């Protein structure tokens, strides 16, 4: 089981929310602490599970999940206007305003 590891993320690329989601998803495997240092968000992770065999394993899993959540966040931002247009059209159609 790994000791405490430090994983740094550039604040210009990763949001704090994406990293918090990653912490939550992996909460059964490790305990997390997040700090802001200059242009980085630093995650301190301490392994809690025997499923984590090494420090590198924990770092790799966390980075993979963090990238997943950051991409989800980006997709939501990019599709927001389309989603709003579709909802507006659906509501207008339901009211008979088309």
N, C-alpha and C. Protein backbone atom coordinates (compact mmCIF):
# COMPACT_ATOMS: atom_id res chain seq x y z
N UNK A 1 0.85 -1.18 0.00
CA UNK A 1 0.00 0.00 0.00
C UNK A 1 0.90 1.24 0.00
N UNK A 2 0.53 2.26 -0.79
CA UNK A 2 1.40 3.42 -0.91
C UNK A 2 1.38 4.31 0.32
N UNK A 3 2.41 5.09 0.45
CA UNK A 3 2.47 6.12 1.48
C UNK A 3 1.74 7.35 0.94
N UNK A 4 2.00 8.49 1.50
CA UNK A 4 1.38 9.71 0.99
C UNK A 4 2.12 10.16 -0.27
N UNK A 5 1.33 10.49 -1.30
CA UNK A 5 1.91 10.98 -2.55
C UNK A 5 1.37 12.37 -2.84
N UNK A 6 2.14 13.14 -3.58
CA UNK A 6 1.75 14.49 -3.98
C UNK A 6 1.57 14.50 -5.48
N UNK A 7 0.40 15.00 -5.91
CA UNK A 7 0.08 15.06 -7.33
C UNK A 7 -0.27 16.50 -7.66
N UNK A 8 0.46 17.11 -8.56
CA UNK A 8 0.23 18.52 -8.91
C UNK A 8 -0.48 18.65 -10.25
N UNK A 9 -1.39 19.63 -10.31
CA UNK A 9 -2.14 19.92 -11.52
C UNK A 9 -2.08 21.42 -11.80
N UNK A 10 -1.90 21.77 -13.04
CA UNK A 10 -1.88 23.18 -13.45
C UNK A 10 -3.30 23.74 -13.34
N UNK A 11 -3.46 24.84 -12.61
CA UNK A 11 -4.78 25.45 -12.41
C UNK A 11 -5.36 26.00 -13.71
N UNK A 12 -4.53 26.22 -14.72
CA UNK A 12 -5.02 26.72 -15.99
C UNK A 12 -5.61 25.60 -16.85
N UNK A 13 -5.34 24.36 -16.48
CA UNK A 13 -5.83 23.21 -17.24
C UNK A 13 -6.92 22.47 -16.48
N UNK A 14 -6.73 22.28 -15.18
CA UNK A 14 -7.67 21.53 -14.35
C UNK A 14 -8.42 22.44 -13.40
N UNK A 15 -9.71 22.18 -13.24
CA UNK A 15 -10.50 22.96 -12.28
C UNK A 15 -10.49 22.26 -10.92
N UNK A 16 -10.72 23.03 -9.91
CA UNK A 16 -10.80 22.48 -8.57
C UNK A 16 -11.98 21.49 -8.49
N UNK A 17 -13.08 21.80 -9.17
CA UNK A 17 -14.26 20.94 -9.14
C UNK A 17 -13.96 19.57 -9.75
N UNK A 18 -13.23 19.54 -10.85
CA UNK A 18 -12.88 18.27 -11.48
C UNK A 18 -12.03 17.41 -10.54
N UNK A 19 -11.11 18.06 -9.84
CA UNK A 19 -10.26 17.31 -8.91
C UNK A 19 -11.05 16.85 -7.68
N UNK A 20 -12.00 17.65 -7.23
CA UNK A 20 -12.86 17.22 -6.12
C UNK A 20 -13.70 16.01 -6.52
N UNK A 21 -14.20 16.00 -7.75
CA UNK A 21 -14.95 14.84 -8.25
C UNK A 21 -14.05 13.60 -8.25
N UNK A 22 -12.82 13.77 -8.70
CA UNK A 22 -11.88 12.64 -8.72
C UNK A 22 -11.62 12.12 -7.31
N UNK A 23 -11.46 13.03 -6.36
CA UNK A 23 -11.26 12.63 -4.96
C UNK A 23 -12.45 11.82 -4.46
N UNK A 24 -13.63 12.29 -4.77
CA UNK A 24 -14.84 11.61 -4.32
C UNK A 24 -14.94 10.22 -4.93
N UNK A 25 -14.66 10.11 -6.23
CA UNK A 25 -14.76 8.82 -6.90
C UNK A 25 -13.77 7.80 -6.33
N UNK A 26 -12.60 8.27 -5.92
CA UNK A 26 -11.57 7.35 -5.42
C UNK A 26 -11.48 7.33 -3.89
N UNK A 27 -12.51 7.84 -3.21
CA UNK A 27 -12.48 7.94 -1.74
C UNK A 27 -12.34 6.61 -1.03
N UNK A 28 -12.76 5.52 -1.65
CA UNK A 28 -12.59 4.21 -1.02
C UNK A 28 -11.15 3.72 -1.09
N UNK A 29 -10.39 4.29 -2.01
CA UNK A 29 -9.01 3.85 -2.20
C UNK A 29 -7.99 4.70 -1.46
N UNK A 30 -8.34 5.98 -1.23
CA UNK A 30 -7.36 6.89 -0.62
C UNK A 30 -8.06 8.06 0.06
N UNK A 31 -7.33 8.68 0.98
CA UNK A 31 -7.77 9.93 1.60
C UNK A 31 -7.06 11.06 0.89
N UNK A 32 -7.76 12.17 0.68
CA UNK A 32 -7.22 13.26 -0.12
C UNK A 32 -7.27 14.58 0.62
N UNK A 33 -6.30 15.43 0.30
CA UNK A 33 -6.26 16.80 0.78
C UNK A 33 -5.85 17.65 -0.42
N UNK A 34 -6.59 18.74 -0.64
CA UNK A 34 -6.30 19.60 -1.80
C UNK A 34 -5.82 20.96 -1.31
N UNK A 35 -4.76 21.44 -1.94
CA UNK A 35 -4.20 22.75 -1.60
C UNK A 35 -3.90 23.52 -2.88
N UNK A 36 -3.99 24.82 -2.78
CA UNK A 36 -3.62 25.70 -3.89
C UNK A 36 -2.22 26.24 -3.60
N UNK A 37 -1.31 26.07 -4.58
CA UNK A 37 0.05 26.61 -4.45
C UNK A 37 0.41 27.28 -5.76
N UNK A 38 0.46 28.60 -5.72
CA UNK A 38 0.79 29.39 -6.91
C UNK A 38 -0.15 29.03 -8.06
N UNK A 39 0.38 28.52 -9.15
CA UNK A 39 -0.44 28.17 -10.32
C UNK A 39 -0.84 26.71 -10.36
N UNK A 40 -0.67 26.02 -9.25
CA UNK A 40 -0.99 24.60 -9.19
C UNK A 40 -2.05 24.30 -8.15
N UNK A 41 -2.77 23.24 -8.41
CA UNK A 41 -3.62 22.62 -7.40
C UNK A 41 -2.89 21.35 -7.02
N UNK A 42 -2.57 21.22 -5.74
CA UNK A 42 -1.78 20.10 -5.26
C UNK A 42 -2.70 19.16 -4.47
N UNK A 43 -2.69 17.90 -4.85
CA UNK A 43 -3.48 16.89 -4.18
C UNK A 43 -2.53 15.99 -3.40
N UNK A 44 -2.76 15.89 -2.10
CA UNK A 44 -2.02 14.95 -1.26
C UNK A 44 -2.91 13.74 -1.08
N UNK A 45 -2.42 12.58 -1.44
CA UNK A 45 -3.22 11.36 -1.40
C UNK A 45 -2.52 10.31 -0.54
N UNK A 46 -3.30 9.71 0.35
CA UNK A 46 -2.78 8.64 1.20
C UNK A 46 -3.60 7.39 0.95
N UNK A 47 -2.96 6.34 0.48
CA UNK A 47 -3.64 5.10 0.15
C UNK A 47 -4.29 4.47 1.37
N UNK A 48 -5.51 3.98 1.18
CA UNK A 48 -6.26 3.32 2.26
C UNK A 48 -6.58 1.87 1.94
N UNK A 49 -6.42 1.51 0.70
CA UNK A 49 -6.87 0.20 0.24
C UNK A 49 -5.70 -0.65 -0.23
N UNK A 50 -5.84 -1.96 -0.05
CA UNK A 50 -4.82 -2.88 -0.56
C UNK A 50 -4.92 -3.03 -2.07
N UNK A 51 -5.99 -2.47 -2.67
CA UNK A 51 -6.12 -2.47 -4.13
C UNK A 51 -5.04 -1.61 -4.77
N UNK A 52 -4.54 -0.63 -4.02
CA UNK A 52 -3.47 0.24 -4.51
C UNK A 52 -2.15 -0.41 -4.13
N UNK A 53 -1.41 -0.85 -5.13
CA UNK A 53 -0.19 -1.60 -4.88
C UNK A 53 1.05 -0.72 -4.74
N UNK A 54 1.00 0.48 -5.31
CA UNK A 54 2.19 1.33 -5.28
C UNK A 54 1.78 2.80 -5.37
N UNK A 55 2.73 3.67 -5.08
CA UNK A 55 2.50 5.10 -5.23
C UNK A 55 2.13 5.42 -6.67
N UNK A 56 2.84 4.83 -7.60
CA UNK A 56 2.59 5.09 -9.01
C UNK A 56 1.18 4.65 -9.42
N UNK A 57 0.70 3.56 -8.87
CA UNK A 57 -0.64 3.08 -9.15
C UNK A 57 -1.69 4.11 -8.71
N UNK A 58 -1.51 4.66 -7.52
CA UNK A 58 -2.43 5.67 -7.01
C UNK A 58 -2.38 6.94 -7.87
N UNK A 59 -1.18 7.37 -8.21
CA UNK A 59 -1.02 8.57 -9.05
C UNK A 59 -1.67 8.36 -10.41
N UNK A 60 -1.44 7.22 -11.02
CA UNK A 60 -2.01 6.93 -12.34
C UNK A 60 -3.53 6.89 -12.29
N UNK A 61 -4.09 6.23 -11.30
CA UNK A 61 -5.55 6.17 -11.18
C UNK A 61 -6.13 7.56 -10.97
N UNK A 62 -5.51 8.34 -10.10
CA UNK A 62 -6.04 9.67 -9.83
C UNK A 62 -5.97 10.55 -11.07
N UNK A 63 -4.84 10.54 -11.76
CA UNK A 63 -4.70 11.36 -12.97
C UNK A 63 -5.73 10.96 -14.04
N UNK A 64 -5.96 9.68 -14.20
CA UNK A 64 -6.93 9.19 -15.18
C UNK A 64 -8.33 9.68 -14.85
N UNK A 65 -8.74 9.56 -13.59
CA UNK A 65 -10.07 10.01 -13.18
C UNK A 65 -10.17 11.53 -13.27
N UNK A 66 -9.12 12.25 -12.90
CA UNK A 66 -9.14 13.72 -12.98
C UNK A 66 -9.30 14.18 -14.42
N UNK A 67 -8.61 13.55 -15.35
CA UNK A 67 -8.74 13.90 -16.77
C UNK A 67 -10.16 13.63 -17.24
N UNK A 68 -10.73 12.51 -16.83
CA UNK A 68 -12.10 12.17 -17.19
C UNK A 68 -13.07 13.28 -16.75
N UNK A 69 -12.97 13.70 -15.49
CA UNK A 69 -13.88 14.73 -14.99
C UNK A 69 -13.61 16.09 -15.63
N UNK A 70 -12.37 16.41 -15.92
CA UNK A 70 -12.07 17.67 -16.58
C UNK A 70 -12.66 17.69 -17.98
N UNK A 71 -12.57 16.57 -18.69
CA UNK A 71 -13.16 16.49 -20.03
C UNK A 71 -14.68 16.58 -19.97
N UNK A 72 -15.29 15.93 -18.98
CA UNK A 72 -16.75 16.04 -18.83
C UNK A 72 -17.16 17.50 -18.61
N UNK A 73 -16.41 18.19 -17.77
CA UNK A 73 -16.69 19.60 -17.50
C UNK A 73 -16.58 20.43 -18.77
N UNK A 74 -15.56 20.17 -19.56
CA UNK A 74 -15.34 20.90 -20.82
C UNK A 74 -16.48 20.63 -21.80
N UNK A 75 -16.92 19.38 -21.89
CA UNK A 75 -18.02 19.02 -22.80
C UNK A 75 -19.30 19.72 -22.38
N UNK A 76 -19.58 19.78 -21.09
CA UNK A 76 -20.77 20.48 -20.60
C UNK A 76 -20.70 21.95 -21.00
N UNK A 77 -19.55 22.57 -20.84
CA UNK A 77 -19.39 23.98 -21.21
C UNK A 77 -19.61 24.18 -22.71
N UNK A 78 -19.07 23.28 -23.51
CA UNK A 78 -19.14 23.43 -24.96
C UNK A 78 -20.54 23.15 -25.51
N UNK A 79 -21.32 22.36 -24.82
CA UNK A 79 -22.65 21.98 -25.32
C UNK A 79 -23.78 22.72 -24.61
N UNK A 80 -23.44 23.64 -23.73
CA UNK A 80 -24.46 24.36 -22.96
C UNK A 80 -25.47 25.08 -23.85
N UNK A 81 -25.01 25.79 -24.84
CA UNK A 81 -25.95 26.54 -25.70
C UNK A 81 -26.84 25.61 -26.50
N UNK A 82 -26.30 24.50 -26.96
CA UNK A 82 -27.11 23.52 -27.70
C UNK A 82 -28.18 22.93 -26.79
N UNK A 83 -27.79 22.58 -25.59
CA UNK A 83 -28.73 22.01 -24.62
C UNK A 83 -29.85 23.00 -24.31
N UNK A 84 -29.50 24.27 -24.10
CA UNK A 84 -30.50 25.29 -23.82
C UNK A 84 -31.45 25.49 -25.00
N UNK A 85 -30.92 25.47 -26.22
CA UNK A 85 -31.75 25.61 -27.42
C UNK A 85 -32.73 24.45 -27.53
N UNK A 86 -32.26 23.24 -27.29
CA UNK A 86 -33.13 22.06 -27.37
C UNK A 86 -34.21 22.10 -26.29
N UNK A 87 -33.86 22.51 -25.10
CA UNK A 87 -34.85 22.60 -24.02
C UNK A 87 -35.88 23.66 -24.35
N UNK A 88 -35.43 24.80 -24.84
CA UNK A 88 -36.35 25.88 -25.22
C UNK A 88 -37.29 25.40 -26.32
N UNK A 89 -36.75 24.73 -27.32
CA UNK A 89 -37.58 24.22 -28.42
C UNK A 89 -38.59 23.20 -27.93
N UNK A 90 -38.16 22.32 -27.03
CA UNK A 90 -39.07 21.30 -26.50
C UNK A 90 -40.18 21.92 -25.68
N UNK A 91 -39.85 22.92 -24.87
CA UNK A 91 -40.86 23.58 -24.06
C UNK A 91 -41.81 24.39 -24.93
N UNK A 92 -41.29 25.05 -25.95
CA UNK A 92 -42.13 25.81 -26.86
C UNK A 92 -43.08 24.89 -27.61
N UNK A 93 -42.59 23.74 -28.02
CA UNK A 93 -43.41 22.76 -28.72
C UNK A 93 -44.50 22.21 -27.80
N UNK A 94 -44.17 21.97 -26.55
CA UNK A 94 -45.14 21.45 -25.58
C UNK A 94 -46.24 22.45 -25.32
N UNK A 95 -45.92 23.74 -25.35
CA UNK A 95 -46.92 24.79 -25.13
C UNK A 95 -47.72 25.09 -26.40
N UNK A 96 -47.24 24.63 -27.52
CA UNK A 96 -47.89 24.92 -28.77
C UNK A 96 -47.45 26.23 -29.37
N UNK A 97 -46.30 26.75 -28.95
CA UNK A 97 -45.77 28.03 -29.42
C UNK A 97 -44.93 27.90 -30.69
N UNK A 98 -44.94 26.77 -31.30
CA UNK A 98 -44.07 26.59 -32.45
C UNK A 98 -44.76 27.13 -33.63
